[in-house]
Amino acid sequence: MSDVSMMSSEGSSDWSRTVVVAGVPDVLSSERMSDKLTIHFQSARSQGGDVKEVQYPTHLKGVAFITFENWQDADRVVECNQMLKDKEFDEEYPLTVYKFTPEVTFYAYADMDLSLFPDLSTLITSMRSTYKSVRFKPSLTKVGFVSAEGPFSAFRELRKDLLSRAQSLRDMQPSPDKAGPSRSVVEEKNRTEETVSLWLDTHVYMYIQMMDKREWDRCVGGHHVTAQAVSTDSCIEVIGPSFSSHLFCERVKKATDGLWV
């Protein structure tokens, strides 16, 4: 059973005391990094408190689960800008911290082409403020591209927001020249939907493949999502071309509700 499945099987009291930490750098051994995370979240600068448990590494790259002794400490750390720094590090590392929920089982990654927005820096600042559970990182090699990762539920809201912003931007533009047709707003919107990958617990994936394969195929095929499963020890990555994959994701979750005790 994966680390997320283990967390999901715990009581809600542990969920209230647990946070998800994304952006953990791969610069030390797992044991040393766990120690650094403990020290950080017990320090005054993090606004945290006594740490009960650190789960790191997890099957999610660069993600740790921190469980505090008290839920008040978990609530405080998510409200602060967390910067991981230590004399052993060559630089400081910003961390994205948010409260744990079972939806972390459905964790998504996306590379988004946001070059249609004129002020990318302001857009990213706004998105970070609104979607605290999503980690945003501008591409260093592709102008206008931003990588994002976080719970799939947050991605659904992010998608709606970006499409709304794209529509507003389109509405503000002057009428196109009659000499040639302009690109449709659908084409503009699709620029924010390059690729999406969704991590599913291996047991969840195997369950639905064995118990309800027809429903899986219907959901995937019906919404033009090409699923490519890449197996690891504890999770399966399903890759799709668009955010429409949330429809079959919800079906998977519904079909496997009985697994989460």
C-alpha atoms as a PDB file:
ATOM      1  CA  MET A   1       0.000   0.000   0.000  1.00  0.00           C
ATOM      2  CA  SER A   2       1.330   3.448  -0.928  1.00  0.00           C
ATOM      3  CA  ASP A   3       2.020   6.296   1.507  1.00  0.00           C
ATOM      4  CA  VAL A   4      -1.112   8.152   0.344  1.00  0.00           C
ATOM      5  CA  SER A   5      -3.234   5.048   0.879  1.00  0.00           C
ATOM      6  CA  MET A   6      -1.817   4.724   4.372  1.00  0.00           C
ATOM      7  CA  MET A   7      -2.659   8.328   5.124  1.00  0.00           C
ATOM      8  CA  SER A   8      -6.149   7.871   3.708  1.00  0.00           C
ATOM      9  CA  SER A   9      -6.773   4.918   6.018  1.00  0.00           C
ATOM     10  CA  GLU A  10      -6.039   6.993   9.129  1.00  0.00           C
ATOM     11  CA  GLY A  11      -8.647   8.842  11.142  1.00  0.00           C
ATOM     12  CA  SER A  12      -9.786  12.342  10.326  1.00  0.00           C
ATOM     13  CA  SER A  13      -8.054  13.605  13.473  1.00  0.00           C
ATOM     14  CA  ASP A  14      -4.686  12.807  11.859  1.00  0.00           C
ATOM     15  CA  TRP A  15      -5.777  14.509   8.632  1.00  0.00           C
ATOM     16  CA  SER A  16      -6.469  17.717  10.555  1.00  0.00           C
ATOM     17  CA  ARG A  17      -2.918  17.655  11.912  1.00  0.00           C
ATOM     18  CA  THR A  18      -1.199  16.789   8.624  1.00  0.00           C
ATOM     19  CA  VAL A  19       0.054  19.073   5.854  1.00  0.00           C
ATOM     20  CA  VAL A  20       1.332  18.347   2.367  1.00  0.00           C
ATOM     21  CA  VAL A  21       4.698  19.942   1.560  1.00  0.00           C
ATOM     22  CA  ALA A  22       5.592  20.285  -2.140  1.00  0.00           C
ATOM     23  CA  GLY A  23       8.892  21.558  -3.517  1.00  0.00           C
ATOM     24  CA  VAL A  24      11.187  19.544  -1.255  1.00  0.00           C
ATOM     25  CA  PRO A  25      14.605  19.697  -2.988  1.00  0.00           C
ATOM     26  CA  ASP A  26      16.480  16.530  -3.890  1.00  0.00           C
ATOM     27  CA  VAL A  27      19.797  17.687  -2.438  1.00  0.00           C
ATOM     28  CA  LEU A  28      20.268  15.395   0.567  1.00  0.00           C
ATOM     29  CA  SER A  29      19.550  11.803   1.469  1.00  0.00           C
ATOM     30  CA  SER A  30      15.966  10.989   2.458  1.00  0.00           C
ATOM     31  CA  GLU A  31      16.920  10.625   6.112  1.00  0.00           C
ATOM     32  CA  ARG A  32      18.788  13.937   6.218  1.00  0.00           C
ATOM     33  CA  MET A  33      15.994  15.761   4.408  1.00  0.00           C
ATOM     34  CA  SER A  34      13.424  14.352   6.829  1.00  0.00           C
ATOM     35  CA  ASP A  35      15.533  15.762   9.665  1.00  0.00           C
ATOM     36  CA  LYS A  36      15.727  19.158   7.946  1.00  0.00           C
ATOM     37  CA  LEU A  37      11.956  19.229   7.457  1.00  0.00           C
ATOM     38  CA  THR A  38      11.406  18.365  11.110  1.00  0.00           C
ATOM     39  CA  ILE A  39      13.766  21.119  12.236  1.00  0.00           C
ATOM     40  CA  HIS A  40      12.148  23.639   9.892  1.00  0.00           C
ATOM     41  CA  PHE A  41       8.557  22.969  10.926  1.00  0.00           C
ATOM     42  CA  GLN A  42       9.451  22.986  14.607  1.00  0.00           C
ATOM     43  CA  SER A  43      11.226  26.329  14.291  1.00  0.00           C
ATOM     44  CA  ALA A  44       9.694  29.698  15.124  1.00  0.00           C
ATOM     45  CA  ARG A  45      10.162  30.986  11.564  1.00  0.00           C
ATOM     46  CA  SER A  46       7.734  28.366  10.212  1.00  0.00           C
ATOM     47  CA  GLN A  47       5.064  29.218  12.812  1.00  0.00           C
ATOM     48  CA  GLY A  48       4.816  25.452  13.393  1.00  0.00           C
ATOM     49  CA  GLY A  49       5.239  23.284  16.461  1.00  0.00           C
ATOM     50  CA  ASP A  50       6.104  19.785  17.644  1.00  0.00           C
ATOM     51  CA  VAL A  51       6.246  17.378  14.704  1.00  0.00           C
ATOM     52  CA  LYS A  52       4.848  13.894  15.290  1.00  0.00           C
ATOM     53  CA  GLU A  53       5.844  12.295  11.980  1.00  0.00           C
ATOM     54  CA  VAL A  54       7.489  13.075   8.646  1.00  0.00           C
ATOM     55  CA  GLN A  55       6.750  10.909   5.617  1.00  0.00           C
ATOM     56  CA  TYR A  56       9.492  11.466   3.056  1.00  0.00           C
ATOM     57  CA  PRO A  57      10.086  10.433   0.382  1.00  0.00           C
ATOM     58  CA  THR A  58       6.602   9.680  -0.896  1.00  0.00           C
ATOM     59  CA  HIS A  59       5.562   8.366  -4.319  1.00  0.00           C
ATOM     60  CA  LEU A  60       4.975  11.997  -5.308  1.00  0.00           C
ATOM     61  CA  LYS A  61       8.249  13.569  -6.384  1.00  0.00           C
ATOM     62  CA  GLY A  62       9.403  16.347  -4.061  1.00  0.00           C
ATOM     63  CA  VAL A  63       6.394  15.930  -1.755  1.00  0.00           C
ATOM     64  CA  ALA A  64       6.393  15.170   1.984  1.00  0.00           C
ATOM     65  CA  PHE A  65       3.638  14.697   4.565  1.00  0.00           C
ATOM     66  CA  ILE A  66       4.182  16.385   7.933  1.00  0.00           C
ATOM     67  CA  THR A  67       1.980  15.449  10.897  1.00  0.00           C
ATOM     68  CA  PHE A  68       2.015  17.760  13.922  1.00  0.00           C
ATOM     69  CA  GLU A  69       1.119  16.974  17.499  1.00  0.00           C
ATOM     70  CA  ASN A  70      -1.526  19.734  17.429  1.00  0.00           C
ATOM     71  CA  TRP A  71      -3.898  20.741  14.628  1.00  0.00           C
ATOM     72  CA  GLN A  72      -3.372  24.435  15.440  1.00  0.00           C
ATOM     73  CA  ASP A  73       0.246  24.148  14.280  1.00  0.00           C
ATOM     74  CA  ALA A  74      -0.867  22.598  10.980  1.00  0.00           C
ATOM     75  CA  ASP A  75      -3.330  25.449  10.463  1.00  0.00           C
ATOM     76  CA  ARG A  76      -0.666  28.089  11.082  1.00  0.00           C
ATOM     77  CA  VAL A  77       2.015  26.753   8.747  1.00  0.00           C
ATOM     78  CA  VAL A  78      -0.309  26.763   5.739  1.00  0.00           C
ATOM     79  CA  GLU A  79      -0.945  30.477   6.242  1.00  0.00           C
ATOM     80  CA  CYS A  80       2.750  31.397   6.124  1.00  0.00           C
ATOM     81  CA  ASN A  81       5.187  31.611   3.227  1.00  0.00           C
ATOM     82  CA  GLN A  82       7.529  28.711   3.902  1.00  0.00           C
ATOM     83  CA  MET A  83      11.176  28.968   2.829  1.00  0.00           C
ATOM     84  CA  LEU A  84      13.438  25.999   3.526  1.00  0.00           C
ATOM     85  CA  LYS A  85      16.971  27.149   4.293  1.00  0.00           C
ATOM     86  CA  ASP A  86      19.951  25.589   6.002  1.00  0.00           C
ATOM     87  CA  LYS A  87      23.699  25.997   6.051  1.00  0.00           C
ATOM     88  CA  GLU A  88      23.983  22.739   4.113  1.00  0.00           C
ATOM     89  CA  PHE A  89      21.954  24.178   1.231  1.00  0.00           C
ATOM     90  CA  ASP A  90      23.489  26.309  -1.516  1.00  0.00           C
ATOM     91  CA  GLU A  91      20.238  28.254  -1.832  1.00  0.00           C
ATOM     92  CA  GLU A  92      16.838  28.750  -0.225  1.00  0.00           C
ATOM     93  CA  TYR A  93      13.909  26.656  -1.417  1.00  0.00           C
ATOM     94  CA  PRO A  94      10.301  27.929  -1.390  1.00  0.00           C
ATOM     95  CA  LEU A  95       7.832  25.310  -0.185  1.00  0.00           C
ATOM     96  CA  THR A  96       4.153  24.993  -1.101  1.00  0.00           C
ATOM     97  CA  VAL A  97       2.244  23.858   2.003  1.00  0.00           C
ATOM     98  CA  TYR A  98      -1.447  22.972   2.319  1.00  0.00           C
ATOM     99  CA  LYS A  99      -3.690  20.806   4.492  1.00  0.00           C
ATOM    100  CA  PHE A 100      -3.864  17.097   3.756  1.00  0.00           C
ATOM    101  CA  THR A 101      -7.070  15.560   2.357  1.00  0.00           C
ATOM    102  CA  PRO A 102      -7.739  12.150   0.791  1.00  0.00           C
ATOM    103  CA  GLU A 103      -7.872  13.946  -2.582  1.00  0.00           C
ATOM    104  CA  VAL A 104      -4.066  13.956  -2.567  1.00  0.00           C
ATOM    105  CA  THR A 105      -4.536  10.437  -3.981  1.00  0.00           C
ATOM    106  CA  PHE A 106      -5.478  12.213  -7.217  1.00  0.00           C
ATOM    107  CA  TYR A 107      -2.385  14.345  -7.795  1.00  0.00           C
ATOM    108  CA  ALA A 108      -1.852  16.038 -11.134  1.00  0.00           C
ATOM    109  CA  TYR A 109       0.982  17.645 -13.057  1.00  0.00           C
ATOM    110  CA  ALA A 110       0.601  19.993 -16.028  1.00  0.00           C
ATOM    111  CA  ASP A 111       2.745  22.074 -18.354  1.00  0.00           C
ATOM    112  CA  MET A 112       0.668  25.089 -19.357  1.00  0.00           C
ATOM    113  CA  ASP A 113       1.292  27.498 -22.215  1.00  0.00           C
ATOM    114  CA  LEU A 114       0.165  30.822 -20.744  1.00  0.00           C
ATOM    115  CA  SER A 115       1.957  33.049 -23.244  1.00  0.00           C
ATOM    116  CA  LEU A 116      -1.337  34.628 -24.314  1.00  0.00           C
ATOM    117  CA  PHE A 117      -1.346  36.516 -20.983  1.00  0.00           C
ATOM    118  CA  PRO A 118       0.686  39.738 -21.218  1.00  0.00           C
ATOM    119  CA  ASP A 119       1.881  39.857 -17.575  1.00  0.00           C
ATOM    120  CA  LEU A 120       2.844  36.317 -16.587  1.00  0.00           C
ATOM    121  CA  SER A 121       4.523  37.343 -13.335  1.00  0.00           C
ATOM    122  CA  THR A 122       1.373  39.048 -12.024  1.00  0.00           C
ATOM    123  CA  LEU A 123      -0.752  36.090 -13.151  1.00  0.00           C
ATOM    124  CA  ILE A 124       1.438  33.606 -11.269  1.00  0.00           C
ATOM    125  CA  THR A 125       1.332  35.753  -8.116  1.00  0.00           C
ATOM    126  CA  SER A 126      -2.450  35.843  -8.323  1.00  0.00           C
ATOM    127  CA  MET A 127      -2.730  32.083  -8.883  1.00  0.00           C
ATOM    128  CA  ARG A 128      -0.404  31.302  -5.985  1.00  0.00           C
ATOM    129  CA  SER A 129      -2.526  33.451  -3.709  1.00  0.00           C
ATOM    130  CA  THR A 130      -5.793  31.869  -4.849  1.00  0.00           C
ATOM    131  CA  TYR A 131      -4.725  28.230  -5.251  1.00  0.00           C
ATOM    132  CA  LYS A 132      -2.490  27.588  -2.258  1.00  0.00           C
ATOM    133  CA  SER A 133      -2.475  23.834  -2.814  1.00  0.00           C
ATOM    134  CA  VAL A 134      -1.036  24.173  -6.331  1.00  0.00           C
ATOM    135  CA  ARG A 135       2.671  24.690  -6.883  1.00  0.00           C
ATOM    136  CA  PHE A 136       3.541  26.931  -9.844  1.00  0.00           C
ATOM    137  CA  LYS A 137       6.970  27.182 -11.462  1.00  0.00           C
ATOM    138  CA  PRO A 138       7.787  29.209 -14.590  1.00  0.00           C
ATOM    139  CA  SER A 139       9.730  27.307 -17.225  1.00  0.00           C
ATOM    140  CA  LEU A 140      13.396  28.241 -17.541  1.00  0.00           C
ATOM    141  CA  THR A 141      13.570  27.045 -21.147  1.00  0.00           C
ATOM    142  CA  LYS A 142      10.169  27.771 -22.732  1.00  0.00           C
ATOM    143  CA  VAL A 143       8.922  31.350 -22.669  1.00  0.00           C
ATOM    144  CA  GLY A 144       5.362  31.671 -21.428  1.00  0.00           C
ATOM    145  CA  PHE A 145       5.168  28.126 -20.053  1.00  0.00           C
ATOM    146  CA  VAL A 146       4.392  27.341 -16.420  1.00  0.00           C
ATOM    147  CA  SER A 147       4.499  23.950 -14.733  1.00  0.00           C
ATOM    148  CA  ALA A 148       1.935  23.205 -12.029  1.00  0.00           C
ATOM    149  CA  GLU A 149       1.295  20.364  -9.629  1.00  0.00           C
ATOM    150  CA  GLY A 150      -1.265  19.680  -6.931  1.00  0.00           C
ATOM    151  CA  PRO A 151      -4.586  17.984  -6.111  1.00  0.00           C
ATOM    152  CA  PHE A 152      -6.804  17.355  -9.117  1.00  0.00           C
ATOM    153  CA  SER A 153      -9.751  19.141  -7.474  1.00  0.00           C
ATOM    154  CA  ALA A 154      -7.687  22.345  -7.361  1.00  0.00           C
ATOM    155  CA  PHE A 155      -6.763  21.888 -11.029  1.00  0.00           C
ATOM    156  CA  ARG A 156     -10.437  21.834 -11.970  1.00  0.00           C
ATOM    157  CA  GLU A 157     -10.965  25.228 -10.367  1.00  0.00           C
ATOM    158  CA  LEU A 158      -7.712  26.532 -11.840  1.00  0.00           C
ATOM    159  CA  ARG A 159      -8.830  25.491 -15.317  1.00  0.00           C
ATOM    160  CA  LYS A 160     -12.114  27.373 -14.957  1.00  0.00           C
ATOM    161  CA  ASP A 161     -10.255  30.440 -13.741  1.00  0.00           C
ATOM    162  CA  LEU A 162      -7.730  30.422 -16.596  1.00  0.00           C
ATOM    163  CA  LEU A 163     -10.418  29.956 -19.225  1.00  0.00           C
ATOM    164  CA  SER A 164     -12.393  32.818 -17.709  1.00  0.00           C
ATOM    165  CA  ARG A 165      -9.294  35.030 -17.733  1.00  0.00           C
ATOM    166  CA  ALA A 166      -8.588  34.059 -21.346  1.00  0.00           C
ATOM    167  CA  GLN A 167     -12.174  34.922 -22.300  1.00  0.00           C
ATOM    168  CA  SER A 168     -11.931  38.301 -20.550  1.00  0.00           C
ATOM    169  CA  LEU A 169      -8.644  39.001 -22.293  1.00  0.00           C
ATOM    170  CA  ARG A 170     -10.212  38.084 -25.608  1.00  0.00           C
ATOM    171  CA  ASP A 171     -13.202  40.358 -24.982  1.00  0.00           C
ATOM    172  CA  MET A 172     -10.880  43.292 -24.307  1.00  0.00           C
ATOM    173  CA  GLN A 173      -9.091  42.943 -27.644  1.00  0.00           C
ATOM    174  CA  PRO A 174     -10.186  45.094 -30.620  1.00  0.00           C
ATOM    175  CA  SER A 175     -12.273  43.558 -33.379  1.00  0.00           C
ATOM    176  CA  PRO A 176     -10.196  41.501 -35.835  1.00  0.00           C
ATOM    177  CA  ASP A 177      -9.414  42.783 -39.305  1.00  0.00           C
ATOM    178  CA  LYS A 178     -11.924  41.615 -41.907  1.00  0.00           C
ATOM    179  CA  ALA A 179      -9.130  40.491 -44.196  1.00  0.00           C
ATOM    180  CA  GLY A 180      -8.705  37.254 -42.286  1.00  0.00           C
ATOM    181  CA  PRO A 181     -10.483  35.316 -39.568  1.00  0.00           C
ATOM    182  CA  SER A 182      -9.107  35.467 -36.033  1.00  0.00           C
ATOM    183  CA  ARG A 183      -8.343  32.402 -33.982  1.00  0.00           C
ATOM    184  CA  SER A 184     -11.396  31.254 -32.086  1.00  0.00           C
ATOM    185  CA  VAL A 185     -11.589  31.650 -28.345  1.00  0.00           C
ATOM    186  CA  VAL A 186     -11.633  27.847 -28.147  1.00  0.00           C
ATOM    187  CA  GLU A 187      -8.186  27.774 -29.712  1.00  0.00           C
ATOM    188  CA  GLU A 188      -6.986  30.411 -27.245  1.00  0.00           C
ATOM    189  CA  LYS A 189      -8.381  28.419 -24.332  1.00  0.00           C
ATOM    190  CA  ASN A 190      -6.757  25.219 -25.469  1.00  0.00           C
ATOM    191  CA  ARG A 191      -3.342  26.843 -25.128  1.00  0.00           C
ATOM    192  CA  THR A 192      -3.752  26.529 -21.364  1.00  0.00           C
ATOM    193  CA  GLU A 193      -4.380  22.766 -21.641  1.00  0.00           C
ATOM    194  CA  GLU A 194      -1.207  21.266 -23.061  1.00  0.00           C
ATOM    195  CA  THR A 195      -0.777  18.051 -21.096  1.00  0.00           C
ATOM    196  CA  VAL A 196      -1.934  16.577 -17.821  1.00  0.00           C
ATOM    197  CA  SER A 197      -0.670  13.584 -15.892  1.00  0.00           C
ATOM    198  CA  LEU A 198      -2.616  12.074 -13.027  1.00  0.00           C
ATOM    199  CA  TRP A 199      -1.083   9.828 -10.370  1.00  0.00           C
ATOM    200  CA  LEU A 200      -3.337   7.053  -9.083  1.00  0.00           C
ATOM    201  CA  ASP A 201      -2.647   4.584  -6.312  1.00  0.00           C
ATOM    202  CA  THR A 202      -1.620   1.266  -7.885  1.00  0.00           C
ATOM    203  CA  HIS A 203      -4.262  -0.593  -5.885  1.00  0.00           C
ATOM    204  CA  VAL A 204      -6.953   1.827  -7.095  1.00  0.00           C
ATOM    205  CA  TYR A 205      -5.893   1.369 -10.702  1.00  0.00           C
ATOM    206  CA  MET A 206      -5.696  -2.415 -10.463  1.00  0.00           C
ATOM    207  CA  TYR A 207      -9.075  -2.548  -8.726  1.00  0.00           C
ATOM    208  CA  ILE A 208     -10.923  -0.686 -11.446  1.00  0.00           C
ATOM    209  CA  GLN A 209      -9.107  -2.591 -14.207  1.00  0.00           C
ATOM    210  CA  MET A 210     -10.231  -5.899 -12.700  1.00  0.00           C
ATOM    211  CA  MET A 211     -13.678  -4.921 -11.430  1.00  0.00           C
ATOM    212  CA  ASP A 212     -14.967  -2.293 -13.835  1.00  0.00           C
ATOM    213  CA  LYS A 213     -12.742  -2.186 -16.918  1.00  0.00           C
ATOM    214  CA  ARG A 214     -15.704  -1.395 -19.188  1.00  0.00           C
ATOM    215  CA  GLU A 215     -16.538   1.740 -17.199  1.00  0.00           C
ATOM    216  CA  TRP A 216     -12.897   2.865 -17.277  1.00  0.00           C
ATOM    217  CA  ASP A 217     -12.738   2.440 -21.062  1.00  0.00           C
ATOM    218  CA  ARG A 218     -16.031   4.265 -21.484  1.00  0.00           C
ATOM    219  CA  CYS A 219     -14.889   7.246 -19.445  1.00  0.00           C
ATOM    220  CA  VAL A 220     -11.481   7.470 -21.099  1.00  0.00           C
ATOM    221  CA  GLY A 221     -12.634   6.917 -24.661  1.00  0.00           C
ATOM    222  CA  GLY A 222     -15.738   9.036 -24.357  1.00  0.00           C
ATOM    223  CA  HIS A 223     -13.775  12.165 -23.565  1.00  0.00           C
ATOM    224  CA  HIS A 224     -10.851  11.782 -25.955  1.00  0.00           C
ATOM    225  CA  VAL A 225      -8.309  11.039 -23.243  1.00  0.00           C
ATOM    226  CA  THR A 226      -5.425   8.814 -24.245  1.00  0.00           C
ATOM    227  CA  ALA A 227      -4.423   7.014 -21.063  1.00  0.00           C
ATOM    228  CA  GLN A 228      -0.875   5.753 -20.841  1.00  0.00           C
ATOM    229  CA  ALA A 229      -0.162   3.920 -17.590  1.00  0.00           C
ATOM    230  CA  VAL A 230       3.438   3.979 -16.364  1.00  0.00           C
ATOM    231  CA  SER A 231       3.916   1.625 -13.463  1.00  0.00           C
ATOM    232  CA  THR A 232       6.054   2.347 -10.385  1.00  0.00           C
ATOM    233  CA  ASP A 233       6.245   0.513  -7.075  1.00  0.00           C
ATOM    234  CA  SER A 234       3.252   2.259  -5.528  1.00  0.00           C
ATOM    235  CA  CYS A 235       1.468   4.339  -8.148  1.00  0.00           C
ATOM    236  CA  ILE A 236       0.328   4.538 -11.755  1.00  0.00           C
ATOM    237  CA  GLU A 237       0.690   7.638 -13.945  1.00  0.00           C
ATOM    238  CA  VAL A 238      -2.159   8.231 -16.386  1.00  0.00           C
ATOM    239  CA  ILE A 239      -1.330  10.795 -19.064  1.00  0.00           C
ATOM    240  CA  GLY A 240      -4.020  12.700 -20.946  1.00  0.00           C
ATOM    241  CA  PRO A 241      -4.013  15.547 -23.478  1.00  0.00           C
ATOM    242  CA  SER A 242      -6.548  17.769 -21.701  1.00  0.00           C
ATOM    243  CA  PHE A 243      -8.241  18.656 -18.458  1.00  0.00           C
ATOM    244  CA  SER A 244     -11.316  16.707 -19.594  1.00  0.00           C
ATOM    245  CA  SER A 245      -9.657  13.763 -17.857  1.00  0.00           C
ATOM    246  CA  HIS A 246     -11.285  14.929 -14.601  1.00  0.00           C
ATOM    247  CA  LEU A 247     -14.467  13.167 -15.758  1.00  0.00           C
ATOM    248  CA  PHE A 248     -12.959   9.702 -15.731  1.00  0.00           C
ATOM    249  CA  CYS A 249     -10.951  10.603 -12.612  1.00  0.00           C
ATOM    250  CA  GLU A 250     -14.200  11.221 -10.759  1.00  0.00           C
ATOM    251  CA  ARG A 251     -15.552   7.894 -12.042  1.00  0.00           C
ATOM    252  CA  VAL A 252     -12.473   6.097 -10.718  1.00  0.00           C
ATOM    253  CA  LYS A 253     -12.844   7.723  -7.333  1.00  0.00           C
ATOM    254  CA  LYS A 254     -16.533   6.866  -7.179  1.00  0.00           C
ATOM    255  CA  ALA A 255     -15.906   3.257  -8.185  1.00  0.00           C
ATOM    256  CA  THR A 256     -13.297   2.835  -5.453  1.00  0.00           C
ATOM    257  CA  ASP A 257     -14.946   4.682  -2.588  1.00  0.00           C
ATOM    258  CA  GLY A 258     -15.219   1.385  -0.716  1.00  0.00           C
ATOM    259  CA  LEU A 259     -11.429   1.108  -0.564  1.00  0.00           C
ATOM    260  CA  TRP A 260     -11.025   4.176   1.647  1.00  0.00           C
ATOM    261  CA  VAL A 261     -11.908   3.210   5.203  1.00  0.00           C
END
